[in-house]
Amino acid sequence: MRSIIATIDHTPSSITAQALALSLARQAGARLHGIAAIEVSDLDRAEAFPVGSAEFALTRLKNRQQQSTERRARLADLTSAFQHSTARKEIEAECSTIEGDVRGELLRAIETCDLVVTGCDVEFHLDPMNGVTPLVEHIIARGSRPVVVTGPSVAADGPVLVAYDGSAAAAKSLQIATILGMFGTSQVHVLTILPDRNKALDVASRARRFLAPHQVECEVEASTSSAEPAKIILKRAEEIGARLLVMGAFGHRGLREIVFGSSTRRIFDSAALPLFIYH
């Protein structure tokens, strides 16, 4: 891994994501690129006012200008703090700001990196939002690189749990995570959930055979539980104290459903650990 993009926002998960990105960059010797964005289109648009309301219109204009100035000041503080933190860690980093076509410019920037690390609540509104935001969904569904999505906290150490069902998405996610060195020196635990235990063990063993030439040892586990896969995965992650969950996106209907099928959505909404996802 040679380059990482970290999204910069003023939310708890974003702050955690930046710290994780710093740690991954140091571990891999990768270049770090922080990206912040500002949305002021709601303040810059022209407004129509009735004749004779010039004073009211002027007041509204001044208020919008003040809000725009405040947003830019907060953004400047964020980017400055990011640059100071990378300098203290002696990590090579750059920082850029997007204004205008935020989603389009962000996707184009993602093409230049190996990995994206983002908080689940990032929307570049400079305030926390609940759950996984539409922007993060956009990065995963439309972006061209794997993404690590964090909540407001991460574990410093622990094993990596791989949710592996033998699908193309799961196989690609496992391969990319391996190539990028996401496992580090951590223990790896492969979990396969299928109704037939022998088939589940066969699928999990294929993951182990893939990892072996990469000098990654793993434990494999087959689950035949009839419970929802998301519940099984999250429970197992908690039981083993996993620091990272590696998974492929899965679903069946359309691009959004391919990436955010019901099980994937439940994991994103409930997971207390960072998720590495690729599709």
C-alpha atoms as a PDB file:
ATOM      1  CA  MET A   1       0.000   0.000   0.000  1.00  0.00           C
ATOM      2  CA  ARG A   2       1.424   3.332  -1.087  1.00  0.00           C
ATOM      3  CA  SER A   3      -1.336   5.893  -0.564  1.00  0.00           C
ATOM      4  CA  ILE A   4      -4.337   6.444   1.689  1.00  0.00           C
ATOM      5  CA  ILE A   5      -7.116   9.023   1.535  1.00  0.00           C
ATOM      6  CA  ALA A   6      -8.730  10.071   4.815  1.00  0.00           C
ATOM      7  CA  THR A   7     -11.881  12.169   4.877  1.00  0.00           C
ATOM      8  CA  ILE A   8     -11.744  15.157   7.226  1.00  0.00           C
ATOM      9  CA  ASP A   9     -14.913  16.244   8.970  1.00  0.00           C
ATOM     10  CA  HIS A  10     -15.907  17.516  12.396  1.00  0.00           C
ATOM     11  CA  THR A  11     -17.612  14.305  13.566  1.00  0.00           C
ATOM     12  CA  PRO A  12     -16.622  11.686  16.183  1.00  0.00           C
ATOM     13  CA  SER A  13     -16.222   8.907  13.627  1.00  0.00           C
ATOM     14  CA  SER A  14     -14.240  11.108  11.270  1.00  0.00           C
ATOM     15  CA  ILE A  15     -11.760  11.964  14.010  1.00  0.00           C
ATOM     16  CA  THR A  16     -11.378   8.241  14.744  1.00  0.00           C
ATOM     17  CA  ALA A  17     -10.959   7.509  11.032  1.00  0.00           C
ATOM     18  CA  GLN A  18      -8.167  10.061  10.739  1.00  0.00           C
ATOM     19  CA  ALA A  19      -6.310   8.454  13.648  1.00  0.00           C
ATOM     20  CA  LEU A  20      -6.716   5.020  12.057  1.00  0.00           C
ATOM     21  CA  ALA A  21      -5.515   6.346   8.704  1.00  0.00           C
ATOM     22  CA  LEU A  22      -2.421   7.770  10.420  1.00  0.00           C
ATOM     23  CA  SER A  23      -1.745   4.399  12.016  1.00  0.00           C
ATOM     24  CA  LEU A  24      -2.166   2.519   8.732  1.00  0.00           C
ATOM     25  CA  ALA A  25       0.041   5.012   6.888  1.00  0.00           C
ATOM     26  CA  ARG A  26       2.802   4.598   9.477  1.00  0.00           C
ATOM     27  CA  GLN A  27       2.477   0.794   9.379  1.00  0.00           C
ATOM     28  CA  ALA A  28       2.680   0.661   5.577  1.00  0.00           C
ATOM     29  CA  GLY A  29       4.974   3.621   4.982  1.00  0.00           C
ATOM     30  CA  ALA A  30       2.198   5.056   2.822  1.00  0.00           C
ATOM     31  CA  ARG A  31       1.544   8.645   1.777  1.00  0.00           C
ATOM     32  CA  LEU A  32      -1.532  10.135   3.427  1.00  0.00           C
ATOM     33  CA  HIS A  33      -3.918  12.541   1.721  1.00  0.00           C
ATOM     34  CA  GLY A  34      -6.560  14.268   3.813  1.00  0.00           C
ATOM     35  CA  ILE A  35      -9.607  15.557   1.959  1.00  0.00           C
ATOM     36  CA  ALA A  36     -12.039  18.072   3.391  1.00  0.00           C
ATOM     37  CA  ALA A  37     -14.989  19.641   1.607  1.00  0.00           C
ATOM     38  CA  ILE A  38     -17.295  22.564   2.069  1.00  0.00           C
ATOM     39  CA  GLU A  39     -20.840  22.986   0.827  1.00  0.00           C
ATOM     40  CA  VAL A  40     -22.016  26.596   0.508  1.00  0.00           C
ATOM     41  CA  SER A  41     -24.401  26.330  -2.440  1.00  0.00           C
ATOM     42  CA  ASP A  42     -27.329  26.845  -0.064  1.00  0.00           C
ATOM     43  CA  LEU A  43     -25.784  30.162   0.964  1.00  0.00           C
ATOM     44  CA  ASP A  44     -24.571  31.386  -2.421  1.00  0.00           C
ATOM     45  CA  ARG A  45     -27.797  30.963  -4.380  1.00  0.00           C
ATOM     46  CA  ALA A  46     -29.736  34.079  -5.363  1.00  0.00           C
ATOM     47  CA  GLU A  47     -33.025  34.815  -3.597  1.00  0.00           C
ATOM     48  CA  ALA A  48     -36.002  36.725  -4.938  1.00  0.00           C
ATOM     49  CA  PHE A  49     -37.555  39.371  -2.702  1.00  0.00           C
ATOM     50  CA  PRO A  50     -40.637  41.570  -3.187  1.00  0.00           C
ATOM     51  CA  VAL A  51     -40.215  45.185  -4.211  1.00  0.00           C
ATOM     52  CA  GLY A  52     -39.552  47.401  -1.226  1.00  0.00           C
ATOM     53  CA  SER A  53     -37.771  44.764   0.860  1.00  0.00           C
ATOM     54  CA  ALA A  54     -34.230  45.870   0.085  1.00  0.00           C
ATOM     55  CA  GLU A  55     -33.302  46.212   3.746  1.00  0.00           C
ATOM     56  CA  PHE A  56     -34.544  42.713   4.535  1.00  0.00           C
ATOM     57  CA  ALA A  57     -32.689  41.325   1.491  1.00  0.00           C
ATOM     58  CA  LEU A  58     -29.465  43.035   2.597  1.00  0.00           C
ATOM     59  CA  THR A  59     -29.798  41.533   6.082  1.00  0.00           C
ATOM     60  CA  ARG A  60     -30.341  38.080   4.588  1.00  0.00           C
ATOM     61  CA  LEU A  61     -27.292  38.506   2.361  1.00  0.00           C
ATOM     62  CA  LYS A  62     -25.114  39.542   5.302  1.00  0.00           C
ATOM     63  CA  ASN A  63     -26.320  36.541   7.310  1.00  0.00           C
ATOM     64  CA  ARG A  64     -25.472  34.150   4.470  1.00  0.00           C
ATOM     65  CA  GLN A  65     -22.052  35.717   4.046  1.00  0.00           C
ATOM     66  CA  GLN A  66     -21.418  35.354   7.779  1.00  0.00           C
ATOM     67  CA  GLN A  67     -22.424  31.687   7.717  1.00  0.00           C
ATOM     68  CA  SER A  68     -20.175  31.077   4.719  1.00  0.00           C
ATOM     69  CA  THR A  69     -17.262  32.742   6.514  1.00  0.00           C
ATOM     70  CA  GLU A  70     -17.869  30.661   9.630  1.00  0.00           C
ATOM     71  CA  ARG A  71     -17.985  27.393   7.661  1.00  0.00           C
ATOM     72  CA  ARG A  72     -14.727  28.205   5.911  1.00  0.00           C
ATOM     73  CA  ALA A  73     -13.082  29.103   9.224  1.00  0.00           C
ATOM     74  CA  ARG A  74     -14.162  25.801  10.776  1.00  0.00           C
ATOM     75  CA  LEU A  75     -12.877  23.950   7.722  1.00  0.00           C
ATOM     76  CA  ALA A  76      -9.539  25.747   7.931  1.00  0.00           C
ATOM     77  CA  ASP A  77      -9.238  24.702  11.584  1.00  0.00           C
ATOM     78  CA  LEU A  78      -9.909  21.070  10.631  1.00  0.00           C
ATOM     79  CA  THR A  79      -7.335  20.940   7.858  1.00  0.00           C
ATOM     80  CA  SER A  80      -4.774  22.713  10.016  1.00  0.00           C
ATOM     81  CA  ALA A  81      -5.291  20.207  12.839  1.00  0.00           C
ATOM     82  CA  PHE A  82      -4.891  17.332  10.375  1.00  0.00           C
ATOM     83  CA  GLN A  83      -1.622  18.717   9.032  1.00  0.00           C
ATOM     84  CA  HIS A  84      -0.272  19.268  12.548  1.00  0.00           C
ATOM     85  CA  SER A  85      -1.142  15.694  13.559  1.00  0.00           C
ATOM     86  CA  THR A  86       0.601  14.182  10.538  1.00  0.00           C
ATOM     87  CA  ALA A  87       3.648  16.381  11.096  1.00  0.00           C
ATOM     88  CA  ARG A  88       3.897  15.249  14.719  1.00  0.00           C
ATOM     89  CA  LYS A  89       3.804  11.617  13.556  1.00  0.00           C
ATOM     90  CA  GLU A  90       6.401  12.388  10.855  1.00  0.00           C
ATOM     91  CA  ILE A  91       4.112  10.993   8.180  1.00  0.00           C
ATOM     92  CA  GLU A  92       4.209  12.278   4.620  1.00  0.00           C
ATOM     93  CA  ALA A  93       0.851  13.919   4.001  1.00  0.00           C
ATOM     94  CA  GLU A  94      -0.994  16.497   1.992  1.00  0.00           C
ATOM     95  CA  CYS A  95      -4.374  18.093   2.501  1.00  0.00           C
ATOM     96  CA  SER A  96      -6.846  19.454  -0.007  1.00  0.00           C
ATOM     97  CA  THR A  97     -10.285  21.045   0.088  1.00  0.00           C
ATOM     98  CA  ILE A  98     -13.151  20.464  -2.329  1.00  0.00           C
ATOM     99  CA  GLU A  99     -15.783  23.096  -2.988  1.00  0.00           C
ATOM    100  CA  GLY A 100     -18.482  22.732  -5.597  1.00  0.00           C
ATOM    101  CA  ASP A 101     -18.914  19.246  -7.087  1.00  0.00           C
ATOM    102  CA  VAL A 102     -18.042  17.464  -3.836  1.00  0.00           C
ATOM    103  CA  ARG A 103     -19.098  13.943  -4.810  1.00  0.00           C
ATOM    104  CA  GLY A 104     -17.624  14.044  -8.299  1.00  0.00           C
ATOM    105  CA  GLU A 105     -14.301  15.516  -7.172  1.00  0.00           C
ATOM    106  CA  LEU A 106     -14.081  13.052  -4.309  1.00  0.00           C
ATOM    107  CA  LEU A 107     -14.528  10.069  -6.624  1.00  0.00           C
ATOM    108  CA  ARG A 108     -11.844  11.429  -8.932  1.00  0.00           C
ATOM    109  CA  ALA A 109      -9.469  11.832  -5.984  1.00  0.00           C
ATOM    110  CA  ILE A 110     -10.192   8.270  -4.853  1.00  0.00           C
ATOM    111  CA  GLU A 111      -8.837   6.997  -8.184  1.00  0.00           C
ATOM    112  CA  THR A 112      -5.388   8.203  -7.102  1.00  0.00           C
ATOM    113  CA  CYS A 113      -5.143   6.165  -3.887  1.00  0.00           C
ATOM    114  CA  ASP A 114      -4.995   2.550  -2.698  1.00  0.00           C
ATOM    115  CA  LEU A 115      -7.410   2.842   0.230  1.00  0.00           C
ATOM    116  CA  VAL A 116     -10.033   5.218   1.606  1.00  0.00           C
ATOM    117  CA  VAL A 117     -10.571   5.586   5.365  1.00  0.00           C
ATOM    118  CA  THR A 118     -13.698   7.423   6.447  1.00  0.00           C
ATOM    119  CA  GLY A 119     -15.949   7.837   9.438  1.00  0.00           C
ATOM    120  CA  CYS A 120     -19.451   6.444   8.989  1.00  0.00           C
ATOM    121  CA  ASP A 121     -21.019   9.853   9.752  1.00  0.00           C
ATOM    122  CA  VAL A 122     -19.026  11.940   7.258  1.00  0.00           C
ATOM    123  CA  GLU A 123     -21.148  14.205   5.060  1.00  0.00           C
ATOM    124  CA  PHE A 124     -18.930  17.336   5.115  1.00  0.00           C
ATOM    125  CA  HIS A 125     -21.627  19.290   6.924  1.00  0.00           C
ATOM    126  CA  LEU A 126     -19.177  19.793   9.814  1.00  0.00           C
ATOM    127  CA  ASP A 127     -21.723  18.314  12.227  1.00  0.00           C
ATOM    128  CA  PRO A 128     -22.452  14.704  13.293  1.00  0.00           C
ATOM    129  CA  MET A 129     -25.179  12.709  11.549  1.00  0.00           C
ATOM    130  CA  ASN A 130     -26.800   9.459  12.607  1.00  0.00           C
ATOM    131  CA  GLY A 131     -25.851   6.176  10.953  1.00  0.00           C
ATOM    132  CA  VAL A 132     -23.998   5.679   7.698  1.00  0.00           C
ATOM    133  CA  THR A 133     -24.432   8.838   5.631  1.00  0.00           C
ATOM    134  CA  PRO A 134     -25.406   9.030   1.945  1.00  0.00           C
ATOM    135  CA  LEU A 135     -21.907  10.324   1.164  1.00  0.00           C
ATOM    136  CA  VAL A 136     -20.240   7.235   2.664  1.00  0.00           C
ATOM    137  CA  GLU A 137     -22.662   5.008   0.748  1.00  0.00           C
ATOM    138  CA  HIS A 138     -21.680   6.938  -2.390  1.00  0.00           C
ATOM    139  CA  ILE A 139     -17.964   6.429  -1.740  1.00  0.00           C
ATOM    140  CA  ILE A 140     -18.441   2.673  -1.337  1.00  0.00           C
ATOM    141  CA  ALA A 141     -20.931   2.123  -4.150  1.00  0.00           C
ATOM    142  CA  ARG A 142     -19.405   4.435  -6.756  1.00  0.00           C
ATOM    143  CA  GLY A 143     -15.769   4.641  -5.720  1.00  0.00           C
ATOM    144  CA  SER A 144     -13.067   2.532  -7.317  1.00  0.00           C
ATOM    145  CA  ARG A 145     -11.124   1.566  -4.205  1.00  0.00           C
ATOM    146  CA  PRO A 146     -11.660  -0.421  -0.997  1.00  0.00           C
ATOM    147  CA  VAL A 147     -12.967   1.539   1.964  1.00  0.00           C
ATOM    148  CA  VAL A 148     -12.479   1.252   5.707  1.00  0.00           C
ATOM    149  CA  VAL A 149     -15.484   2.693   7.550  1.00  0.00           C
ATOM    150  CA  THR A 150     -15.118   3.465  11.255  1.00  0.00           C
ATOM    151  CA  GLY A 151     -17.435   4.297  14.099  1.00  0.00           C
ATOM    152  CA  PRO A 152     -16.509   6.678  16.931  1.00  0.00           C
ATOM    153  CA  SER A 153     -13.966   4.260  18.438  1.00  0.00           C
ATOM    154  CA  VAL A 154     -11.520   1.539  17.377  1.00  0.00           C
ATOM    155  CA  ALA A 155      -9.576  -1.169  19.189  1.00  0.00           C
ATOM    156  CA  ALA A 156      -5.819  -0.750  19.273  1.00  0.00           C
ATOM    157  CA  ASP A 157      -5.211  -4.459  18.748  1.00  0.00           C
ATOM    158  CA  GLY A 158      -6.987  -7.786  18.365  1.00  0.00           C
ATOM    159  CA  PRO A 159      -7.608 -10.289  15.582  1.00  0.00           C
ATOM    160  CA  VAL A 160      -9.095  -9.558  12.159  1.00  0.00           C
ATOM    161  CA  LEU A 161     -12.392 -11.268  11.394  1.00  0.00           C
ATOM    162  CA  VAL A 162     -13.041 -12.197   7.753  1.00  0.00           C
ATOM    163  CA  ALA A 163     -16.693 -12.838   6.879  1.00  0.00           C
ATOM    164  CA  TYR A 164     -16.270 -15.167   3.916  1.00  0.00           C
ATOM    165  CA  ASP A 165     -19.102 -16.784   1.946  1.00  0.00           C
ATOM    166  CA  GLY A 166     -17.145 -17.763  -1.163  1.00  0.00           C
ATOM    167  CA  SER A 167     -18.838 -15.111  -3.329  1.00  0.00           C
ATOM    168  CA  ALA A 168     -16.888 -13.054  -5.846  1.00  0.00           C
ATOM    169  CA  ALA A 169     -17.274  -9.972  -3.664  1.00  0.00           C
ATOM    170  CA  ALA A 170     -15.921 -11.770  -0.592  1.00  0.00           C
ATOM    171  CA  ALA A 171     -13.008 -13.261  -2.553  1.00  0.00           C
ATOM    172  CA  LYS A 172     -12.046  -9.893  -4.024  1.00  0.00           C
ATOM    173  CA  SER A 173     -12.283  -8.186  -0.645  1.00  0.00           C
ATOM    174  CA  LEU A 174     -10.047 -10.825   0.942  1.00  0.00           C
ATOM    175  CA  GLN A 175      -7.499 -10.525  -1.858  1.00  0.00           C
ATOM    176  CA  ILE A 176      -7.326  -6.735  -1.721  1.00  0.00           C
ATOM    177  CA  ALA A 177      -7.106  -6.691   2.074  1.00  0.00           C
ATOM    178  CA  THR A 178      -4.222  -9.162   1.885  1.00  0.00           C
ATOM    179  CA  ILE A 179      -2.355  -7.262  -0.832  1.00  0.00           C
ATOM    180  CA  LEU A 180      -2.731  -3.976   1.057  1.00  0.00           C
ATOM    181  CA  GLY A 181      -1.356  -5.542   4.244  1.00  0.00           C
ATOM    182  CA  MET A 182      -4.477  -4.916   6.303  1.00  0.00           C
ATOM    183  CA  PHE A 183      -3.821  -7.921   8.529  1.00  0.00           C
ATOM    184  CA  GLY A 184      -0.402  -6.764   9.733  1.00  0.00           C
ATOM    185  CA  THR A 185       0.742  -9.138  12.449  1.00  0.00           C
ATOM    186  CA  SER A 186      -2.782  -9.768  13.753  1.00  0.00           C
ATOM    187  CA  GLN A 187      -4.414 -13.155  14.058  1.00  0.00           C
ATOM    188  CA  VAL A 188      -6.904 -13.828  11.279  1.00  0.00           C
ATOM    189  CA  HIS A 189     -10.188 -15.594  11.878  1.00  0.00           C
ATOM    190  CA  VAL A 190     -12.271 -16.696   8.854  1.00  0.00           C
ATOM    191  CA  LEU A 191     -15.992 -17.195   9.472  1.00  0.00           C
ATOM    192  CA  THR A 192     -18.256 -18.883   6.918  1.00  0.00           C
ATOM    193  CA  ILE A 193     -22.009 -19.144   7.454  1.00  0.00           C
ATOM    194  CA  LEU A 194     -23.862 -21.794   5.404  1.00  0.00           C
ATOM    195  CA  PRO A 195     -26.619 -24.309   6.196  1.00  0.00           C
ATOM    196  CA  ASP A 196     -24.354 -27.264   5.358  1.00  0.00           C
ATOM    197  CA  ARG A 197     -21.340 -27.541   7.687  1.00  0.00           C
ATOM    198  CA  ASN A 198     -19.163 -29.479   5.223  1.00  0.00           C
ATOM    199  CA  LYS A 199     -19.785 -26.894   2.497  1.00  0.00           C
ATOM    200  CA  ALA A 200     -19.071 -24.096   4.959  1.00  0.00           C
ATOM    201  CA  LEU A 201     -15.764 -25.699   5.960  1.00  0.00           C
ATOM    202  CA  ASP A 202     -14.850 -26.157   2.295  1.00  0.00           C
ATOM    203  CA  VAL A 203     -15.525 -22.480   1.556  1.00  0.00           C
ATOM    204  CA  ALA A 204     -13.547 -21.335   4.607  1.00  0.00           C
ATOM    205  CA  SER A 205     -10.662 -23.639   3.686  1.00  0.00           C
ATOM    206  CA  ARG A 206     -10.438 -21.979   0.267  1.00  0.00           C
ATOM    207  CA  ALA A 207      -9.845 -18.686   2.037  1.00  0.00           C
ATOM    208  CA  ARG A 208      -7.123 -20.328   4.107  1.00  0.00           C
ATOM    209  CA  ARG A 209      -5.484 -21.772   0.974  1.00  0.00           C
ATOM    210  CA  PHE A 210      -5.471 -18.316  -0.573  1.00  0.00           C
ATOM    211  CA  LEU A 211      -3.870 -16.741   2.496  1.00  0.00           C
ATOM    212  CA  ALA A 212      -1.172 -19.385   2.973  1.00  0.00           C
ATOM    213  CA  PRO A 213       1.176 -18.257   0.138  1.00  0.00           C
ATOM    214  CA  HIS A 214       0.935 -14.723   1.533  1.00  0.00           C
ATOM    215  CA  GLN A 215       2.300 -15.971   4.870  1.00  0.00           C
ATOM    216  CA  VAL A 216      -0.988 -15.189   6.585  1.00  0.00           C
ATOM    217  CA  GLU A 217      -2.106 -17.900   8.970  1.00  0.00           C
ATOM    218  CA  CYS A 218      -5.739 -18.121   9.932  1.00  0.00           C
ATOM    219  CA  GLU A 219      -8.272 -20.050  11.938  1.00  0.00           C
ATOM    220  CA  VAL A 220     -11.409 -21.142  10.092  1.00  0.00           C
ATOM    221  CA  GLU A 221     -14.873 -21.517  11.532  1.00  0.00           C
ATOM    222  CA  ALA A 222     -18.066 -22.875   9.974  1.00  0.00           C
ATOM    223  CA  SER A 223     -21.433 -21.750  11.284  1.00  0.00           C
ATOM    224  CA  THR A 224     -24.716 -23.464  10.414  1.00  0.00           C
ATOM    225  CA  SER A 225     -26.827 -21.188  12.583  1.00  0.00           C
ATOM    226  CA  SER A 226     -30.193 -20.146  11.161  1.00  0.00           C
ATOM    227  CA  ALA A 227     -29.873 -16.702  12.732  1.00  0.00           C
ATOM    228  CA  GLU A 228     -29.368 -13.651  10.536  1.00  0.00           C
ATOM    229  CA  PRO A 229     -25.799 -13.622   9.154  1.00  0.00           C
ATOM    230  CA  ALA A 230     -25.287 -10.055  10.364  1.00  0.00           C
ATOM    231  CA  LYS A 231     -26.079 -11.045  13.938  1.00  0.00           C
ATOM    232  CA  ILE A 232     -23.752 -14.045  13.787  1.00  0.00           C
ATOM    233  CA  ILE A 233     -20.904 -11.962  12.352  1.00  0.00           C
ATOM    234  CA  LEU A 234     -21.270  -9.135  14.861  1.00  0.00           C
ATOM    235  CA  LYS A 235     -21.587 -11.515  17.802  1.00  0.00           C
ATOM    236  CA  ARG A 236     -18.464 -13.410  16.732  1.00  0.00           C
ATOM    237  CA  ALA A 237     -16.532 -10.170  16.237  1.00  0.00           C
ATOM    238  CA  GLU A 238     -17.398  -9.152  19.794  1.00  0.00           C
ATOM    239  CA  GLU A 239     -16.540 -12.577  21.230  1.00  0.00           C
ATOM    240  CA  ILE A 240     -13.041 -12.658  19.735  1.00  0.00           C
ATOM    241  CA  GLY A 241     -12.375  -8.954  20.310  1.00  0.00           C
ATOM    242  CA  ALA A 242     -11.814  -8.250  16.615  1.00  0.00           C
ATOM    243  CA  ARG A 243     -10.203  -4.944  15.684  1.00  0.00           C
ATOM    244  CA  LEU A 244     -11.321  -5.097  12.018  1.00  0.00           C
ATOM    245  CA  LEU A 245     -13.985  -6.860   9.970  1.00  0.00           C
ATOM    246  CA  VAL A 246     -13.147  -7.704   6.347  1.00  0.00           C
ATOM    247  CA  MET A 247     -16.132  -8.384   4.140  1.00  0.00           C
ATOM    248  CA  GLY A 248     -17.417  -8.190   0.607  1.00  0.00           C
ATOM    249  CA  ALA A 249     -20.577  -6.241  -0.055  1.00  0.00           C
ATOM    250  CA  PHE A 250     -23.523  -8.438  -0.896  1.00  0.00           C
ATOM    251  CA  GLY A 251     -27.127  -8.113  -2.025  1.00  0.00           C
ATOM    252  CA  HIS A 252     -29.227  -8.902  -5.058  1.00  0.00           C
ATOM    253  CA  ARG A 253     -31.154  -5.975  -6.519  1.00  0.00           C
ATOM    254  CA  GLY A 254     -29.469  -3.062  -8.282  1.00  0.00           C
ATOM    255  CA  LEU A 255     -26.205  -1.288  -7.509  1.00  0.00           C
ATOM    256  CA  ARG A 256     -27.286   0.121  -4.153  1.00  0.00           C
ATOM    257  CA  GLU A 257     -28.697  -3.234  -3.072  1.00  0.00           C
ATOM    258  CA  ILE A 258     -25.587  -5.046  -4.313  1.00  0.00           C
ATOM    259  CA  VAL A 259     -23.513  -2.915  -1.988  1.00  0.00           C
ATOM    260  CA  PHE A 260     -26.041  -2.442   0.793  1.00  0.00           C
ATOM    261  CA  GLY A 261     -28.096  -5.605   0.985  1.00  0.00           C
ATOM    262  CA  SER A 262     -30.018  -6.194   4.200  1.00  0.00           C
ATOM    263  CA  SER A 263     -27.194  -8.052   5.975  1.00  0.00           C
ATOM    264  CA  THR A 264     -24.603  -5.487   4.924  1.00  0.00           C
ATOM    265  CA  ARG A 265     -26.835  -2.656   6.119  1.00  0.00           C
ATOM    266  CA  ARG A 266     -27.361  -4.275   9.522  1.00  0.00           C
ATOM    267  CA  ILE A 267     -23.615  -4.689   9.953  1.00  0.00           C
ATOM    268  CA  PHE A 268     -22.948  -1.070   9.008  1.00  0.00           C
ATOM    269  CA  ASP A 269     -25.631   0.179  11.367  1.00  0.00           C
ATOM    270  CA  SER A 270     -24.558  -1.972  14.321  1.00  0.00           C
ATOM    271  CA  ALA A 271     -20.838  -2.727  14.100  1.00  0.00           C
ATOM    272  CA  ALA A 272     -18.633  -1.331  16.840  1.00  0.00           C
ATOM    273  CA  LEU A 273     -15.445  -2.033  14.878  1.00  0.00           C
ATOM    274  CA  PRO A 274     -14.008  -0.713  11.593  1.00  0.00           C
ATOM    275  CA  LEU A 275     -15.224  -2.434   8.426  1.00  0.00           C
ATOM    276  CA  PHE A 276     -13.031  -3.088   5.384  1.00  0.00           C
ATOM    277  CA  ILE A 277     -15.351  -3.414   2.398  1.00  0.00           C
ATOM    278  CA  TYR A 278     -14.871  -3.885  -1.331  1.00  0.00           C
ATOM    279  CA  HIS A 279     -17.142  -4.970  -4.146  1.00  0.00           C
END
